[in-house]
Amino acid sequence: MTSRWVFGLIFLVCAALLGVAFYMEHVMGLEPCPLCWLQRFGFMGAGLVSFLAFLHGPAGFGVRIYGFLLVLTAGAGLGVAGRQLWLQSLPADQVPACGPSVDYMLDVLPWFEVLSTALKGTGDCAEVVWRFLGLSIPGWTAVFFSLLVITGLVLMFRRQKPREWIRG
């Protein structure tokens, strides 16, 4: 399997995960919190990097660059998922107060303040509204972000045979 097809598969996984997120929001009625939005952006970033790599079909050093960008985007998403998991583990008396919705913040606040507020998380982010096999939504996103980071690291550091540098 060439790196081009690995990146194509990653793109499809990210698109599927975003599809699940939109299904949960629009069909199941689960309102995403600010940290959930940031995790979506992490999957969008990883998917975009992977889609560009699939189109480009890099070889050699190019695979390492795209692998590095995948590690960056997925690593950022993993950090956000970790933050939300930490908020969900807090005792009820230590959970931050609930804040306004993301839509409202985008309407009235500057981008920097929306991002700052979203990264801190709110009481909404600490609420567990869905579980599957014992993991909450940020637990599952952390699993997938971890797999993406590992895949990116493998792409960055794998040894390639000389002819693979030509084929990609």
Protein backbone atom coordinates (compact mmCIF):
# COMPACT_ATOMS: atom_id res chain seq x y z
CA MET A 1 0.00 0.00 0.00
CA THR A 2 1.54 3.30 -1.04
CA SER A 3 1.53 6.40 1.11
CA ARG A 4 -0.94 7.96 -1.34
CA TRP A 5 -3.54 5.33 -0.46
CA VAL A 6 -2.79 5.61 3.26
CA PHE A 7 -3.55 9.33 3.06
CA GLY A 8 -6.70 8.59 1.04
CA LEU A 9 -7.88 6.16 3.72
CA ILE A 10 -7.17 8.73 6.44
CA PHE A 11 -9.23 11.29 4.52
CA LEU A 12 -12.16 8.86 4.30
CA VAL A 13 -11.95 8.09 8.03
CA CYS A 14 -11.94 11.81 8.89
CA ALA A 15 -14.90 12.43 6.56
CA ALA A 16 -16.79 9.53 8.16
CA LEU A 17 -16.09 10.83 11.67
CA LEU A 18 -17.32 14.29 10.69
CA GLY A 19 -20.41 12.66 9.19
CA VAL A 20 -21.05 10.93 12.52
CA ALA A 21 -20.62 14.26 14.34
CA PHE A 22 -23.16 15.98 12.09
CA TYR A 23 -25.53 13.01 12.45
CA MET A 24 -25.29 13.26 16.24
CA GLU A 25 -25.98 16.99 16.05
CA HIS A 26 -28.77 17.15 13.47
CA VAL A 27 -30.49 13.75 13.85
CA MET A 28 -29.85 12.79 17.47
CA GLY A 29 -30.19 16.41 18.67
CA LEU A 30 -26.89 16.55 20.60
CA GLU A 31 -25.71 20.16 20.75
CA PRO A 32 -21.91 20.38 20.34
CA CYS A 33 -20.01 22.26 23.03
CA PRO A 34 -17.10 24.61 22.20
CA LEU A 35 -14.51 21.85 22.66
CA CYS A 36 -16.53 19.55 20.38
CA TRP A 37 -16.35 22.21 17.67
CA LEU A 38 -12.58 22.44 18.06
CA GLN A 39 -12.29 18.64 17.78
CA ARG A 40 -14.26 18.84 14.54
CA PHE A 41 -11.74 21.36 13.26
CA GLY A 42 -8.98 18.92 14.21
CA PHE A 43 -10.57 16.23 12.04
CA MET A 44 -11.14 18.76 9.27
CA GLY A 45 -7.45 19.72 9.39
CA ALA A 46 -6.26 16.12 9.38
CA GLY A 47 -8.68 15.31 6.57
CA LEU A 48 -7.55 18.30 4.51
CA VAL A 49 -3.86 17.43 4.92
CA SER A 50 -4.61 13.84 3.97
CA PHE A 51 -6.72 14.83 0.98
CA LEU A 52 -3.96 17.12 -0.32
CA ALA A 53 -1.39 14.36 0.19
CA PHE A 54 -3.63 11.92 -1.67
CA LEU A 55 -3.96 14.33 -4.59
CA HIS A 56 -0.25 15.14 -4.57
CA GLY A 57 0.95 11.56 -4.24
CA PRO A 58 4.19 12.56 -2.47
CA ALA A 59 7.34 10.52 -2.37
CA GLY A 60 10.32 10.54 -0.01
CA PHE A 61 10.62 13.79 1.90
CA GLY A 62 7.13 14.88 0.83
CA VAL A 63 5.60 11.94 2.72
CA ARG A 64 7.49 13.08 5.81
CA ILE A 65 6.17 16.65 5.46
CA TYR A 66 2.57 15.49 5.12
CA GLY A 67 3.10 13.06 7.99
CA PHE A 68 4.37 15.95 10.13
CA LEU A 69 1.32 18.08 9.23
CA LEU A 70 -0.93 15.14 10.11
CA VAL A 71 0.80 14.81 13.48
CA LEU A 72 0.32 18.56 14.10
CA THR A 73 -3.39 18.66 13.27
CA ALA A 74 -4.25 15.37 14.97
CA GLY A 75 -2.05 16.25 17.96
CA ALA A 76 -3.93 19.53 18.41
CA GLY A 77 -7.23 17.63 18.27
CA LEU A 78 -5.90 15.10 20.78
CA GLY A 79 -4.98 17.95 23.14
CA VAL A 80 -8.51 19.38 22.90
CA ALA A 81 -10.06 15.94 23.46
CA GLY A 82 -7.79 15.48 26.47
CA ARG A 83 -8.93 18.82 27.87
CA GLN A 84 -12.57 17.78 27.53
CA LEU A 85 -11.92 14.40 29.12
CA TRP A 86 -10.26 16.19 32.03
CA LEU A 87 -13.29 18.48 32.41
CA GLN A 88 -15.56 15.43 32.38
CA SER A 89 -13.52 13.83 35.16
CA LEU A 90 -13.87 16.78 37.54
CA PRO A 91 -16.10 16.54 40.61
CA ALA A 92 -19.41 18.40 40.14
CA ASP A 93 -18.37 21.27 42.44
CA GLN A 94 -15.24 22.00 40.34
CA VAL A 95 -16.90 22.04 36.90
CA PRO A 96 -16.80 25.51 35.33
CA ALA A 97 -20.06 27.36 34.76
CA CYS A 98 -21.96 26.75 31.55
CA GLY A 99 -21.41 29.34 28.86
CA PRO A 100 -23.23 30.65 25.83
CA SER A 101 -23.58 28.55 22.69
CA VAL A 102 -20.91 28.64 20.01
CA ASP A 103 -23.37 30.23 17.58
CA TYR A 104 -24.07 33.07 20.01
CA MET A 105 -20.37 33.61 20.75
CA LEU A 106 -19.60 33.78 17.02
CA ASP A 107 -22.31 36.42 16.60
CA VAL A 108 -21.20 38.75 19.40
CA LEU A 109 -17.53 38.10 20.21
CA PRO A 110 -14.32 38.59 18.22
CA TRP A 111 -12.69 35.39 16.89
CA PHE A 112 -9.81 35.49 19.37
CA GLU A 113 -12.18 35.66 22.33
CA VAL A 114 -14.33 32.83 20.93
CA LEU A 115 -11.22 30.67 20.53
CA SER A 116 -9.96 31.54 24.01
CA THR A 117 -13.32 30.74 25.59
CA ALA A 118 -13.65 27.52 23.60
CA LEU A 119 -10.19 26.29 24.66
CA LYS A 120 -11.01 26.86 28.33
CA GLY A 121 -14.18 24.83 28.01
CA THR A 122 -17.45 25.37 29.80
CA GLY A 123 -19.75 23.35 32.00
CA ASP A 124 -21.40 22.12 28.80
CA CYS A 125 -18.10 20.47 27.87
CA ALA A 126 -18.05 18.54 31.15
CA GLU A 127 -21.46 16.99 30.58
CA VAL A 128 -21.42 13.41 29.27
CA VAL A 129 -24.44 13.09 26.98
CA TRP A 130 -23.59 9.90 25.06
CA ARG A 131 -21.49 6.79 25.61
CA PHE A 132 -20.53 3.82 23.48
CA LEU A 133 -18.62 0.86 24.96
CA GLY A 134 -17.97 2.96 28.06
CA LEU A 135 -16.33 5.88 26.23
CA SER A 136 -17.83 9.34 25.82
CA ILE A 137 -17.59 11.32 22.59
CA PRO A 138 -14.25 12.96 23.51
CA GLY A 139 -12.97 9.54 24.56
CA TRP A 140 -13.65 8.19 21.08
CA THR A 141 -12.18 11.27 19.40
CA ALA A 142 -9.05 10.83 21.54
CA VAL A 143 -8.78 7.24 20.30
CA PHE A 144 -9.03 8.30 16.66
CA PHE A 145 -6.70 11.30 17.09
CA SER A 146 -4.17 8.98 18.75
CA LEU A 147 -4.36 6.59 15.80
CA LEU A 148 -3.85 9.51 13.41
CA VAL A 149 -0.84 10.75 15.36
CA ILE A 150 0.71 7.28 15.36
CA THR A 151 0.07 6.92 11.62
CA GLY A 152 1.64 10.33 10.98
CA LEU A 153 4.69 9.39 13.03
CA VAL A 154 5.06 6.11 11.13
CA LEU A 155 4.84 8.01 7.84
CA MET A 156 7.46 10.47 9.07
CA PHE A 157 9.99 7.97 10.34
CA ARG A 158 9.59 4.80 8.32
CA ARG A 159 12.57 3.71 6.33
CA GLN A 160 11.96 3.60 2.63
CA LYS A 161 13.65 1.45 0.08
CA PRO A 162 15.36 3.46 -2.66
CA ARG A 163 12.77 2.53 -5.27
CA GLU A 164 9.95 3.61 -2.91
CA TRP A 165 11.42 7.11 -2.92
CA ILE A 166 10.60 7.19 -6.60
CA ARG A 167 7.14 5.57 -6.45
CA GLY A 168 5.92 7.18 -3.20
